[in-house]
Amino acid sequence: MKSGLPFTILVVEDDEEDRDIIDEAFKQIGYEAEVKKFIDGYSLFRYLEQLEPSVYPSLIVLDNSLPRLNVEDILRRIKEDDRFKNLPVVIYSGSVSESKKDRLMQMGAYNIIQKEGSMQAIVEIAQQLKRIAESAKTKI
């Protein structure tokens, strides 16, 4: 299960192209992290359930629009589980209303990051996610 890389980032994104772009952005910044990708909350929870505490991820990134389990249900389940409640969860979204942003932040989201179109902007987002993962790893 352990990859030997210092950080693990879980990305829950149902759009294959978006998953690949995020992966490419991490490669461009030369980030030594294992990036695991999931298409929905169910696959994320199946993965989390099998983990030992020594290999918990550094960061979870959730798309705002996911099939089957919505982002609020996923965030609530993570934050209500004593094993995972301290993991930082970032919402990566194309569009979120202010009221939903407020609700997600109150529920325990670490941050909400707007999806961007250009690769340079996505690389900058990857750098921001890298800083969050590194900061969180020192606290867990």
Protein backbone atom coordinates (compact mmCIF):
# COMPACT_ATOMS: atom_id res chain seq x y z
CA MET A 1 0.00 0.00 0.00
CA LYS A 2 2.85 2.37 0.81
CA SER A 3 4.35 3.95 -2.30
CA GLY A 4 7.53 5.35 -0.79
CA LEU A 5 6.50 8.87 -1.73
CA PRO A 6 6.17 11.32 1.18
CA PHE A 7 2.66 12.53 0.36
CA THR A 8 -0.54 11.03 -0.94
CA ILE A 9 -3.26 13.18 -2.46
CA LEU A 10 -6.67 11.71 -3.21
CA VAL A 11 -8.54 13.39 -6.06
CA VAL A 12 -12.25 12.65 -6.45
CA GLU A 13 -13.25 13.85 -9.91
CA ASP A 14 -15.72 12.19 -12.27
CA ASP A 15 -14.35 13.87 -15.40
CA GLU A 16 -11.42 11.86 -16.79
CA GLU A 17 -9.91 14.86 -18.58
CA ASP A 18 -9.92 16.91 -15.36
CA ARG A 19 -8.27 14.02 -13.48
CA ASP A 20 -5.54 13.81 -16.13
CA ILE A 21 -4.99 17.59 -16.11
CA ILE A 22 -4.56 17.61 -12.33
CA ASP A 23 -2.09 14.74 -12.58
CA GLU A 24 -0.14 16.57 -15.30
CA ALA A 25 -0.03 19.75 -13.21
CA PHE A 26 1.55 17.86 -10.30
CA LYS A 27 4.12 16.38 -12.69
CA GLN A 28 4.94 19.83 -14.06
CA ILE A 29 5.78 21.17 -10.61
CA GLY A 30 7.89 18.08 -9.92
CA TYR A 31 5.88 17.20 -6.85
CA GLU A 32 6.85 13.93 -5.27
CA ALA A 33 3.44 12.70 -4.29
CA GLU A 34 1.28 9.76 -5.03
CA VAL A 35 -1.90 11.08 -6.63
CA LYS A 36 -4.74 8.58 -6.41
CA LYS A 37 -7.82 9.32 -8.48
CA PHE A 38 -11.42 8.28 -7.85
CA ILE A 39 -14.57 8.84 -9.88
CA ASP A 40 -17.02 9.14 -6.97
CA GLY A 41 -17.43 9.14 -3.21
CA TYR A 42 -18.16 5.42 -3.02
CA SER A 43 -14.82 4.49 -4.54
CA LEU A 44 -13.11 7.00 -2.24
CA PHE A 45 -14.67 5.45 0.88
CA ARG A 46 -13.88 1.89 -0.27
CA TYR A 47 -10.25 2.97 -0.48
CA LEU A 48 -10.21 4.90 2.83
CA GLU A 49 -11.77 2.00 4.72
CA GLN A 50 -8.83 -0.27 3.96
CA LEU A 51 -6.10 2.15 5.08
CA GLU A 52 -3.97 1.92 8.17
CA PRO A 53 -3.34 5.24 9.96
CA SER A 54 0.32 5.23 8.89
CA VAL A 55 -0.73 5.63 5.25
CA TYR A 56 -3.60 8.10 5.52
CA PRO A 57 -3.55 10.67 2.72
CA SER A 58 -2.12 14.15 3.16
CA LEU A 59 -5.02 15.78 1.33
CA ILE A 60 -8.39 14.98 -0.25
CA VAL A 61 -9.55 17.04 -3.23
CA LEU A 62 -13.26 16.82 -4.09
CA ASP A 63 -14.96 18.02 -7.23
CA ASN A 64 -18.11 19.96 -6.37
CA SER A 65 -20.30 18.00 -8.82
CA LEU A 66 -20.03 14.27 -8.32
CA PRO A 67 -22.37 11.41 -9.20
CA ARG A 68 -24.13 9.28 -6.59
CA LEU A 69 -22.87 10.93 -3.37
CA ASN A 70 -22.81 14.72 -3.48
CA VAL A 71 -19.90 16.76 -2.16
CA GLU A 72 -21.74 17.67 1.05
CA ASP A 73 -22.47 14.00 1.86
CA ILE A 74 -18.84 13.06 1.21
CA LEU A 75 -17.48 15.93 3.31
CA ARG A 76 -19.91 15.16 6.14
CA ARG A 77 -18.89 11.48 6.21
CA ILE A 78 -15.20 12.37 6.27
CA LYS A 79 -15.58 14.95 9.03
CA GLU A 80 -17.81 12.71 11.17
CA ASP A 81 -15.35 9.81 11.05
CA ASP A 82 -12.78 10.05 13.87
CA ARG A 83 -10.17 8.41 11.65
CA PHE A 84 -10.40 10.99 8.89
CA LYS A 85 -11.84 14.16 10.43
CA ASN A 86 -8.44 15.88 10.62
CA LEU A 87 -7.60 15.32 6.96
CA PRO A 88 -7.77 18.53 4.97
CA VAL A 89 -10.46 18.46 2.29
CA VAL A 90 -10.32 20.97 -0.55
CA ILE A 91 -13.30 21.49 -2.83
CA TYR A 92 -12.20 22.02 -6.44
CA SER A 93 -15.07 23.55 -8.33
CA GLY A 94 -16.08 25.22 -11.54
CA SER A 95 -18.85 27.09 -9.81
CA VAL A 96 -20.18 27.25 -6.25
CA SER A 97 -22.73 29.69 -4.88
CA GLU A 98 -21.68 31.85 -1.94
CA SER A 99 -24.22 30.14 0.31
CA LYS A 100 -22.85 26.70 -0.63
CA LYS A 101 -19.26 27.92 -0.08
CA ASP A 102 -20.24 29.11 3.39
CA ARG A 103 -21.98 25.81 4.14
CA LEU A 104 -19.00 23.72 2.95
CA MET A 105 -16.56 25.79 4.98
CA GLN A 106 -18.77 25.44 8.08
CA MET A 107 -18.85 21.68 7.48
CA GLY A 108 -15.06 21.57 7.65
CA ALA A 109 -13.74 22.13 4.13
CA TYR A 110 -10.18 23.42 4.31
CA ASN A 111 -10.59 25.59 1.21
CA ILE A 112 -12.61 26.00 -1.96
CA ILE A 113 -10.57 26.49 -5.10
CA GLN A 114 -12.04 27.67 -8.40
CA LYS A 115 -11.31 25.47 -11.43
CA GLU A 116 -9.32 27.34 -14.04
CA GLY A 117 -9.04 26.86 -17.77
CA SER A 118 -5.37 27.47 -18.55
CA MET A 119 -2.67 24.94 -17.75
CA GLN A 120 -0.61 27.65 -16.04
CA ALA A 121 -3.52 28.41 -13.68
CA ILE A 122 -3.94 24.69 -12.96
CA VAL A 123 -0.21 24.39 -12.24
CA GLU A 124 -0.57 27.25 -9.74
CA ILE A 125 -3.49 25.37 -8.13
CA ALA A 126 -1.29 22.25 -7.92
CA GLN A 127 1.34 24.34 -6.12
CA GLN A 128 -1.32 25.56 -3.69
CA LEU A 129 -2.51 22.00 -3.08
CA LYS A 130 1.10 20.92 -2.54
CA ARG A 131 1.53 23.54 0.20
CA ILE A 132 -1.71 22.40 1.88
CA ALA A 133 -0.65 18.72 1.77
CA GLU A 134 2.80 19.49 3.18
CA SER A 135 1.37 21.66 5.93
CA ALA A 136 -1.22 19.05 6.85
CA LYS A 137 1.31 16.21 6.94
CA THR A 138 3.27 17.99 9.68
CA LYS A 139 0.08 18.29 11.78
CA ILE A 140 -1.26 14.76 11.39
